[in-house]
Protein backbone atom coordinates (compact mmCIF):
# COMPACT_ATOMS: atom_id res chain seq x y z
CA MET A 1 -7.40 -47.20 -42.50
CA LYS A 2 -8.93 -48.10 -39.14
CA ILE A 3 -9.98 -45.36 -36.71
CA ALA A 4 -9.75 -46.18 -33.03
CA GLY A 5 -13.26 -44.99 -32.29
CA PRO A 6 -13.39 -45.69 -28.55
CA ARG A 7 -10.01 -44.01 -27.99
CA ILE A 8 -11.01 -40.86 -29.86
CA PHE A 9 -14.33 -40.77 -28.04
CA LEU A 10 -12.49 -41.01 -24.70
CA LEU A 11 -10.14 -38.17 -25.63
CA ILE A 12 -13.11 -36.00 -26.61
CA LEU A 13 -14.76 -36.70 -23.25
CA VAL A 14 -11.55 -35.76 -21.38
CA PHE A 15 -11.25 -32.54 -23.40
CA LEU A 16 -14.88 -31.59 -22.78
CA GLY A 17 -14.46 -32.32 -19.09
CA PHE A 18 -11.46 -30.00 -18.93
CA LEU A 19 -13.44 -27.24 -20.63
CA ALA A 20 -16.24 -27.73 -18.11
CA ILE A 21 -13.77 -27.24 -15.26
CA LEU A 22 -12.52 -24.02 -16.85
CA LYS A 23 -16.06 -22.77 -17.29
CA GLY A 24 -16.84 -23.43 -13.64
CA PHE A 25 -14.56 -20.62 -12.48
CA ASN A 26 -15.85 -17.08 -12.34
CA PHE A 27 -12.56 -15.43 -13.30
CA ILE A 28 -12.17 -12.49 -15.63
CA LEU A 29 -10.81 -14.02 -18.84
CA SER A 30 -9.17 -12.48 -21.87
CA ILE A 31 -8.53 -14.10 -25.24
CA ASP A 32 -5.02 -14.01 -26.68
CA GLU A 33 -5.84 -13.06 -30.27
CA THR A 34 -2.41 -14.09 -31.54
CA GLN A 35 -3.35 -17.74 -31.02
CA GLN A 36 -5.56 -18.40 -34.07
CA ASP A 37 -5.33 -22.19 -33.93
CA PHE A 38 -5.59 -22.72 -30.17
CA LEU A 39 -7.98 -20.44 -28.35
CA ILE A 40 -6.06 -19.81 -25.12
CA GLU A 41 -7.82 -18.18 -22.21
CA LYS A 42 -5.61 -16.52 -19.60
CA ILE A 43 -6.77 -15.43 -16.20
CA LYS A 44 -6.04 -11.78 -15.54
CA TYR A 45 -7.43 -11.22 -12.06
CA PRO A 46 -9.67 -13.19 -9.71
CA ASN A 47 -12.95 -11.57 -8.75
CA ASP A 48 -14.43 -11.14 -5.26
CA PRO A 49 -16.25 -14.49 -4.91
CA GLU A 50 -13.19 -16.45 -6.07
CA CYS A 51 -10.77 -14.74 -3.67
CA LYS A 52 -13.18 -15.11 -0.78
CA ALA A 53 -13.49 -18.81 -1.52
CA LEU A 54 -9.72 -19.28 -1.82
CA LEU A 55 -8.98 -17.31 1.35
CA ASN A 56 -11.58 -19.40 3.18
CA GLY A 57 -9.93 -22.62 2.02
CA GLU A 58 -12.71 -23.97 -0.22
CA GLU A 59 -11.00 -27.05 -1.61
CA ASP A 60 -12.90 -27.34 -4.91
CA LYS A 61 -11.92 -23.79 -5.87
CA ILE A 62 -8.32 -24.31 -4.74
CA LYS A 63 -7.93 -27.48 -6.81
CA GLY A 64 -9.41 -25.73 -9.82
CA VAL A 65 -6.86 -22.92 -9.64
CA GLU A 66 -4.04 -25.39 -9.02
CA LEU A 67 -5.10 -27.28 -12.17
CA LEU A 68 -5.10 -24.10 -14.25
CA ARG A 69 -1.74 -23.14 -12.76
CA SER A 70 -0.27 -26.50 -13.73
CA TYR A 71 -1.18 -25.78 -17.37
CA LYS A 72 0.32 -22.26 -17.09
CA LEU A 73 -3.02 -20.66 -17.92
CA ILE A 74 -2.74 -18.08 -15.14
CA GLU A 75 -0.86 -15.01 -16.29
CA SER A 76 1.07 -12.70 -13.96
CA LYS A 77 -0.29 -9.17 -13.89
CA SER A 78 3.05 -7.72 -12.77
CA TRP A 79 4.52 -5.10 -15.07
CA SER A 80 8.06 -5.45 -16.39
CA ALA A 81 10.72 -2.90 -15.48
CA THR A 82 10.63 -1.40 -18.98
CA ILE A 83 6.83 -1.03 -18.94
CA ILE A 84 6.97 0.73 -15.56
CA SER A 85 9.55 3.22 -16.85
CA SER A 86 7.73 3.74 -20.16
CA MET A 87 4.44 4.43 -18.38
CA ILE A 88 6.00 7.13 -16.21
CA LYS A 89 8.13 8.72 -18.97
CA ASN A 90 5.50 8.67 -21.72
CA TYR A 91 2.50 9.68 -19.65
CA SER A 92 2.82 11.21 -16.19
CA CYS A 93 3.33 10.36 -12.55
CA ALA A 94 -0.35 11.07 -11.92
CA GLU A 95 -1.42 8.62 -14.63
CA TYR A 96 1.01 5.97 -13.39
CA LEU A 97 -0.08 6.25 -9.75
CA ARG A 98 -3.74 6.16 -10.75
CA SER A 99 -3.29 3.08 -12.92
CA ARG A 100 -1.31 1.22 -10.23
CA ALA A 101 -3.67 2.04 -7.35
CA PHE A 102 -1.20 3.39 -4.79
CA PHE A 103 -3.25 3.88 -1.62
CA ASN A 104 -2.95 7.58 -0.73
CA VAL A 105 -5.56 7.84 2.05
CA SER A 106 -4.92 7.16 5.74
CA THR A 107 -6.83 7.38 8.99
CA ALA A 108 -5.92 10.06 11.54
CA GLU A 109 -4.32 7.38 13.71
CA GLU A 110 -2.10 6.24 10.83
CA LEU A 111 -1.04 9.79 9.97
CA ALA A 112 0.20 10.27 13.53
CA TYR A 113 2.23 7.04 13.48
CA PRO A 114 4.59 6.96 10.47
CA LEU A 115 6.65 3.86 9.69
CA ALA A 116 9.95 3.33 7.87
CA TYR A 117 10.74 0.51 5.46
CA SER A 118 14.09 -0.83 4.27
CA ILE A 119 13.60 -3.03 1.19
CA VAL A 120 16.57 -4.96 -0.26
CA VAL A 121 15.92 -6.14 -3.84
CA HIS A 122 17.64 -7.19 -7.05
CA LYS A 123 15.10 -8.79 -9.42
CA LYS A 124 11.42 -9.16 -10.39
CA ALA A 125 10.64 -5.44 -10.69
CA GLY A 126 6.92 -5.99 -11.17
CA GLN A 127 6.50 -8.05 -8.01
CA VAL A 128 8.59 -5.57 -5.98
CA GLU A 129 6.41 -2.76 -7.32
CA ARG A 130 3.33 -4.63 -6.09
CA LEU A 131 4.91 -5.07 -2.65
CA LEU A 132 5.49 -1.31 -2.55
CA GLN A 133 1.86 -0.69 -3.55
CA ALA A 134 0.64 -3.01 -0.80
CA ILE A 135 2.58 -1.22 1.96
CA TYR A 136 2.47 2.33 0.60
CA ARG A 137 0.98 5.17 2.62
CA PRO A 138 1.85 8.87 2.17
CA GLN A 139 2.96 9.41 5.80
CA ASN A 140 5.51 6.56 5.76
CA VAL A 141 9.03 6.59 4.30
CA TYR A 142 10.57 3.90 2.09
CA CYS A 143 14.23 3.18 1.26
CA ILE A 144 14.88 0.72 -1.56
CA HIS A 145 18.36 -0.79 -1.77
CA ILE A 146 19.04 -2.08 -5.27
CA ASP A 147 21.86 -4.59 -5.60
CA VAL A 148 24.72 -3.46 -7.84
CA LYS A 149 24.16 -6.65 -9.88
CA ALA A 150 20.59 -5.63 -10.75
CA SER A 151 19.94 -4.73 -14.38
CA ALA A 152 19.92 -1.14 -15.57
CA ASP A 153 16.23 -1.52 -16.48
CA PHE A 154 15.45 -2.66 -12.93
CA TYR A 155 17.28 0.30 -11.41
CA ASP A 156 15.67 2.78 -13.81
CA ALA A 157 12.18 1.47 -13.00
CA PHE A 158 12.54 2.27 -9.30
CA LYS A 159 14.36 5.51 -9.97
CA ASN A 160 11.30 6.55 -11.98
CA ILE A 161 8.89 5.32 -9.30
CA SER A 162 10.77 7.26 -6.62
CA SER A 163 10.52 10.41 -8.76
CA CYS A 164 6.72 10.10 -8.48
CA LEU A 165 6.58 9.46 -4.73
CA PRO A 166 8.35 11.99 -2.46
CA ASN A 167 8.55 9.55 0.45
CA VAL A 168 10.25 6.79 -1.58
CA PHE A 169 13.99 6.93 -2.29
CA LEU A 170 16.81 4.68 -3.47
CA ALA A 171 19.77 3.99 -1.19
CA LYS A 172 22.73 6.13 -2.24
CA LYS A 173 25.31 3.49 -1.31
CA ARG A 174 24.73 0.16 -3.06
CA GLU A 175 26.16 -3.22 -2.10
CA ASP A 176 27.04 -6.33 -4.08
CA VAL A 177 24.82 -8.54 -1.94
CA THR A 178 26.08 -12.11 -1.62
CA TRP A 179 24.20 -14.90 0.10
CA GLY A 180 25.83 -15.79 3.41
CA GLY A 181 27.97 -12.65 3.50
CA TYR A 182 28.03 -9.42 5.48
CA SER A 183 26.84 -7.49 2.41
CA ARG A 184 23.21 -8.41 3.16
CA LEU A 185 23.47 -6.61 6.50
CA ALA A 186 25.37 -3.72 4.94
CA ALA A 187 22.53 -3.13 2.47
CA ASP A 188 20.05 -2.71 5.34
CA PHE A 189 22.51 -0.56 7.31
CA ASN A 190 22.83 1.79 4.32
CA CYS A 191 19.06 2.27 4.18
CA MET A 192 18.75 2.57 7.96
CA GLN A 193 21.32 5.39 8.11
CA GLU A 194 19.42 7.37 5.48
CA LEU A 195 16.07 6.65 7.12
CA LEU A 196 17.33 7.95 10.47
CA ALA A 197 18.36 11.19 8.76
CA HIS A 198 15.06 11.57 6.88
CA GLU A 199 12.71 14.42 7.79
CA ILE A 200 9.86 11.98 8.51
CA LYS A 201 10.24 11.02 12.17
CA TRP A 202 9.06 7.44 11.96
CA LYS A 203 8.21 5.29 14.98
CA TYR A 204 9.17 1.76 13.84
CA LEU A 205 11.26 0.29 11.04
CA ILE A 206 10.45 -2.88 9.09
CA ASN A 207 12.93 -4.50 6.70
CA LEU A 208 11.77 -6.64 3.80
CA CYS A 209 12.87 -8.43 0.65
CA GLY A 210 11.15 -8.48 -2.73
CA GLU A 211 9.34 -11.78 -2.17
CA ASP A 212 7.48 -10.61 0.94
CA LEU A 213 3.84 -9.56 1.14
CA PRO A 214 1.95 -7.94 4.02
CA LEU A 215 -0.84 -9.88 5.69
CA LYS A 216 -2.15 -6.83 7.55
CA THR A 217 -3.08 -3.33 6.49
CA ASN A 218 -1.04 -0.33 7.60
CA TYR A 219 -3.70 0.42 10.22
CA GLU A 220 -3.52 -3.15 11.56
CA ILE A 221 0.29 -2.96 11.65
CA ILE A 222 0.37 0.22 13.74
CA SER A 223 -2.33 -1.18 16.03
CA TYR A 224 -0.04 -4.14 16.69
CA LEU A 225 2.99 -1.88 17.18
CA LYS A 226 1.16 0.27 19.69
CA SER A 227 0.25 -2.86 21.63
CA ILE A 228 3.92 -3.86 22.01
CA GLU A 229 5.55 -0.41 22.16
CA PRO A 230 8.37 0.15 23.08
CA ALA A 231 9.31 -3.48 22.45
CA ASN A 232 10.98 -4.80 19.30
CA SER A 233 9.87 -7.86 17.37
CA ILE A 234 12.77 -10.05 16.30
CA GLU A 235 12.68 -13.82 15.86
CA GLY A 236 15.43 -15.65 17.71
CA SER A 237 16.56 -18.52 19.90
CA ARG A 238 19.79 -19.61 21.55
CA LEU A 239 22.35 -20.53 18.90
CA PRO A 240 22.16 -24.32 18.34
CA GLU A 241 25.39 -26.30 18.49
CA ARG A 242 25.18 -27.29 14.82
CA LYS A 243 25.39 -23.60 13.82
CA GLU A 244 28.28 -22.65 16.07
CA HIS A 245 30.82 -23.24 13.28
CA ARG A 246 29.31 -20.28 11.42
CA TYR A 247 30.69 -17.90 14.03
CA MET A 248 33.62 -19.84 15.54
CA TYR A 249 35.66 -19.74 12.32
CA LYS A 250 36.55 -17.19 9.68
CA TRP A 251 34.76 -17.63 6.36
CA GLN A 252 35.46 -16.84 2.73
CA ILE A 253 32.15 -15.90 1.09
CA GLY A 254 32.09 -16.61 -2.64
CA GLU A 255 31.00 -13.71 -4.81
CA GLY A 256 28.03 -14.51 -7.00
CA TYR A 257 26.73 -17.44 -4.97
CA ASP A 258 23.28 -16.73 -6.41
CA LYS A 259 22.96 -18.98 -9.47
CA GLU A 260 21.15 -16.21 -11.29
CA TYR A 261 24.42 -14.34 -11.76
CA LYS A 262 27.00 -17.11 -12.27
CA LYS A 263 26.65 -20.54 -13.85
CA GLU A 264 29.19 -22.03 -11.45
CA PRO A 265 28.62 -20.40 -8.06
CA ILE A 266 31.49 -20.27 -5.60
CA LEU A 267 30.36 -21.90 -2.38
CA PRO A 268 31.19 -20.29 0.95
CA GLY A 269 34.34 -21.76 2.42
CA ARG A 270 35.47 -22.02 6.04
CA PHE A 271 39.06 -21.29 7.02
CA ALA A 272 40.81 -23.48 9.58
CA GLU A 273 41.54 -20.41 11.68
CA LYS A 274 39.26 -20.02 14.67
CA LYS A 275 37.90 -16.59 15.55
CA LEU A 276 38.25 -14.95 18.93
CA PRO A 277 34.97 -14.83 20.91
CA PRO A 278 32.71 -11.85 20.16
CA PRO A 279 33.48 -8.60 22.00
CA GLY A 280 32.39 -8.81 25.62
CA ASN A 281 31.84 -12.54 25.07
CA MET A 282 28.31 -11.71 23.91
CA THR A 283 25.86 -14.63 23.91
CA LEU A 284 24.92 -15.47 20.33
CA TYR A 285 21.40 -16.19 19.14
CA ALA A 286 20.09 -17.67 15.89
CA GLY A 287 17.38 -15.80 14.05
CA LEU A 288 16.55 -14.10 10.77
CA ALA A 289 17.80 -11.09 8.85
CA TYR A 290 14.42 -9.43 9.39
CA LEU A 291 13.07 -7.34 12.22
CA LEU A 292 10.46 -4.88 13.33
CA ALA A 293 12.22 -2.36 15.56
CA THR A 294 11.80 1.04 17.18
CA ARG A 295 13.62 4.11 15.96
CA GLU A 296 15.58 4.13 19.23
CA PHE A 297 16.74 0.53 18.73
CA ILE A 298 17.89 1.19 15.15
CA ASP A 299 19.74 4.33 16.27
CA TRP A 300 21.47 2.31 19.02
CA ALA A 301 22.33 -0.57 16.65
CA LEU A 302 24.00 1.78 14.18
CA ASN A 303 25.72 4.21 16.54
CA ASP A 304 26.59 2.48 19.83
CA GLU A 305 30.35 1.89 20.06
CA TYR A 306 30.07 -1.59 21.57
CA VAL A 307 27.58 -2.67 18.90
CA LYS A 308 29.94 -1.36 16.22
CA GLU A 309 32.66 -3.63 17.61
CA VAL A 310 30.36 -6.65 17.44
CA ILE A 311 29.34 -5.79 13.87
CA GLU A 312 33.00 -5.45 12.85
CA TRP A 313 33.77 -8.81 14.48
CA SER A 314 30.94 -10.46 12.51
CA LYS A 315 32.09 -9.39 9.04
CA ASP A 316 34.06 -12.56 8.30
CA THR A 317 31.46 -14.96 9.73
CA PHE A 318 28.86 -16.92 7.77
CA SER A 319 25.37 -15.33 7.62
CA PRO A 320 25.90 -12.66 10.27
CA ASP A 321 22.46 -11.31 9.29
CA GLU A 322 20.91 -14.46 10.78
CA MET A 323 22.67 -13.92 14.09
CA LEU A 324 23.21 -10.24 14.89
CA TRP A 325 19.65 -8.93 15.25
CA ALA A 326 18.56 -11.83 17.43
CA SER A 327 21.74 -11.50 19.49
CA PHE A 328 21.13 -7.78 19.99
CA LEU A 329 17.78 -8.40 21.54
CA ALA A 330 16.42 -10.86 24.07
CA PHE A 331 14.33 -13.60 22.55
CA ASN A 332 10.83 -12.40 21.56
CA ARG A 333 8.28 -15.02 20.50
CA GLN A 334 6.21 -12.63 18.38
CA THR A 335 7.20 -13.00 14.73
CA THR A 336 7.52 -10.21 12.17
CA ARG A 337 7.49 -12.47 9.11
CA LEU A 338 5.79 -15.76 8.48
CA VAL A 339 8.27 -18.17 6.90
CA LEU A 340 7.45 -21.85 6.61
CA TRP A 341 10.69 -23.81 6.86
CA GLU A 342 10.36 -27.28 5.35
CA ASN A 343 12.86 -28.74 7.83
CA LYS A 344 11.12 -27.04 10.79
CA GLU A 345 14.47 -25.54 11.72
CA LEU A 346 13.22 -22.47 13.53
CA TRP A 347 9.58 -23.20 14.24
CA SER A 348 8.95 -26.77 15.38
CA TRP A 349 5.45 -25.66 16.37
CA GLU A 350 4.47 -25.16 12.72
CA SER A 351 2.16 -27.94 11.49
CA HIS A 352 1.20 -26.67 8.03
CA LYS A 353 2.34 -28.63 4.96
CA CYS A 354 3.32 -26.43 2.02
CA ARG A 355 0.75 -26.49 -0.82
CA GLY A 356 2.95 -24.41 -3.12
CA ILE A 357 6.50 -25.44 -4.02
CA ASN A 358 9.65 -25.86 -1.98
CA ARG A 359 12.71 -23.78 -2.78
CA ARG A 360 15.84 -24.27 -0.71
CA GLY A 361 13.79 -25.45 2.24
CA ILE A 362 11.30 -22.55 2.17
CA CYS A 363 7.69 -22.76 1.01
CA VAL A 364 6.70 -20.57 -1.93
CA PHE A 365 3.05 -20.06 -1.06
CA GLY A 366 0.27 -21.05 -3.42
CA VAL A 367 -3.50 -20.64 -3.29
CA GLY A 368 -3.76 -23.77 -1.16
CA ASP A 369 -1.78 -22.03 1.59
CA LEU A 370 -3.87 -18.84 1.75
CA SER A 371 -6.39 -19.95 4.37
CA TRP A 372 -3.56 -21.06 6.67
CA VAL A 373 -1.55 -17.89 6.09
CA LYS A 374 -4.64 -15.78 6.79
CA ILE A 375 -5.17 -17.18 10.32
CA GLN A 376 -1.61 -16.54 11.56
CA LYS A 377 -2.55 -13.82 14.04
CA HIS A 378 0.97 -12.80 15.09
CA SER A 379 2.48 -12.58 11.60
CA ILE A 380 2.55 -9.26 9.80
CA PHE A 381 4.39 -10.31 6.63
CA ALA A 382 4.69 -13.60 4.77
CA ASN A 383 7.53 -15.00 2.69
CA LYS A 384 7.76 -16.30 -0.03
CA PHE A 385 5.54 -15.40 -2.95
CA ASP A 386 6.33 -15.66 -6.67
CA ASP A 387 4.04 -14.14 -9.29
CA LYS A 388 5.42 -16.45 -11.99
CA PHE A 389 4.53 -19.51 -9.91
CA ASP A 390 1.18 -18.50 -8.40
CA GLU A 391 -0.22 -15.15 -9.46
CA THR A 392 -3.60 -15.87 -7.89
CA ALA A 393 -2.12 -16.18 -4.40
CA ILE A 394 -0.62 -12.68 -4.69
CA SER A 395 -3.75 -11.20 -6.27
CA CYS A 396 -5.97 -12.52 -3.48
CA ILE A 397 -3.65 -11.16 -0.76
CA GLU A 398 -3.84 -7.79 -2.56
CA TYR A 399 -7.60 -8.07 -2.83
CA ASP A 400 -7.97 -8.81 0.89
CA LEU A 401 -5.68 -5.92 1.90
CA LEU A 402 -7.52 -3.44 -0.31
CA ARG A 403 -10.90 -4.62 0.97
CA LYS A 404 -9.84 -4.16 4.60
CA ALA A 405 -8.15 -0.79 3.94
CA LYS A 406 -11.28 0.61 2.26
CA GLN A 407 -13.37 -0.61 5.17
CA GLU A 408 -11.04 1.15 7.64
CA ILE A 409 -11.39 4.45 5.78
CA GLU A 410 -15.18 4.12 5.62
CA GLU A 411 -15.33 3.48 9.37
CA GLU A 412 -13.17 6.55 9.95
CA GLU A 413 -15.49 8.70 7.83
CA ASN A 414 -18.55 7.37 9.66
CA LYS A 415 -17.15 8.65 12.97
CA PHE A 416 -17.82 12.15 11.75
């Protein structure tokens, strides 16, 4: 039997080269002891030098992480819904909060400027929990709307979390949120009504989804808000002609459009019947479902009689959430969320090419995008992130936020 010596030698060289690349990264590694035949090393969390290098855009480090990611060697450190609940039930709230590093210290300036958050979610409990950790401060108030389609384990996880944090609560009224339908707006409205009635008299409200992450600390966010107060920050532009059909006709929105819930999604359908113009012939704008708005604006949007008429009119349109907020407010160039649209639909001035993956025209950020994301001065949140796709990108955002927050507290202490 002949042995292809040169071929085997080449394979050995390739294998040794790959091991050398792995060794070149200063990550904290753990050995999966269940793999007796194949010693698999999984990255748990990047250390300081690695995150600094990735955030600064050092290409050799980025390519190394991207290579490891392609071989699925980077493990998400998000907890599952059942682990979150078990931790709280079997130990204590104090132990859970300590292990998950909820930031419970604020500067005097932050304490005097509470914020409200409306968070609409339905999946990926561990990643949503990490979003909550990243934005949590004891003086703020947080409403989490959980889709009625979410699993019982998902709901229980956040019910347990809210039992440990007095300023976090679940929306009492839950919606069956459908892409393109009014239900997405209704979910936010439900949270907003409860937030207005809450004893914490917050200054601004920010609405988010589970795939968002903050780019700024709470202190940096309120510094920005004070600089624009009493303005609101809502992305928008005049409604383009190609989107007019969304609001000129009545629409049938298919339940379960999200493929996660139905194998054969029902696509939204447009009726032949034209709608009457909006009440008062209001000028329509195109925008996003997300905003950063004052308490006074939210109160007006939920309780003004004319606004209620416009909201009622919008219920049978397509994606009213991507029209109403922008239409309610004059165009404001400052952005609340950083979303990279592959087709440059909303931001033709964007020049960055996605280094992560593209999903439905939106970039899911990877480590190669971090240095670009970091320098977006007017963006407070970024979307999208996915811990199953690129854990390191999320970990390094968390690392950077924690580093800055600790520095802010130290500077506050040094004043005295």
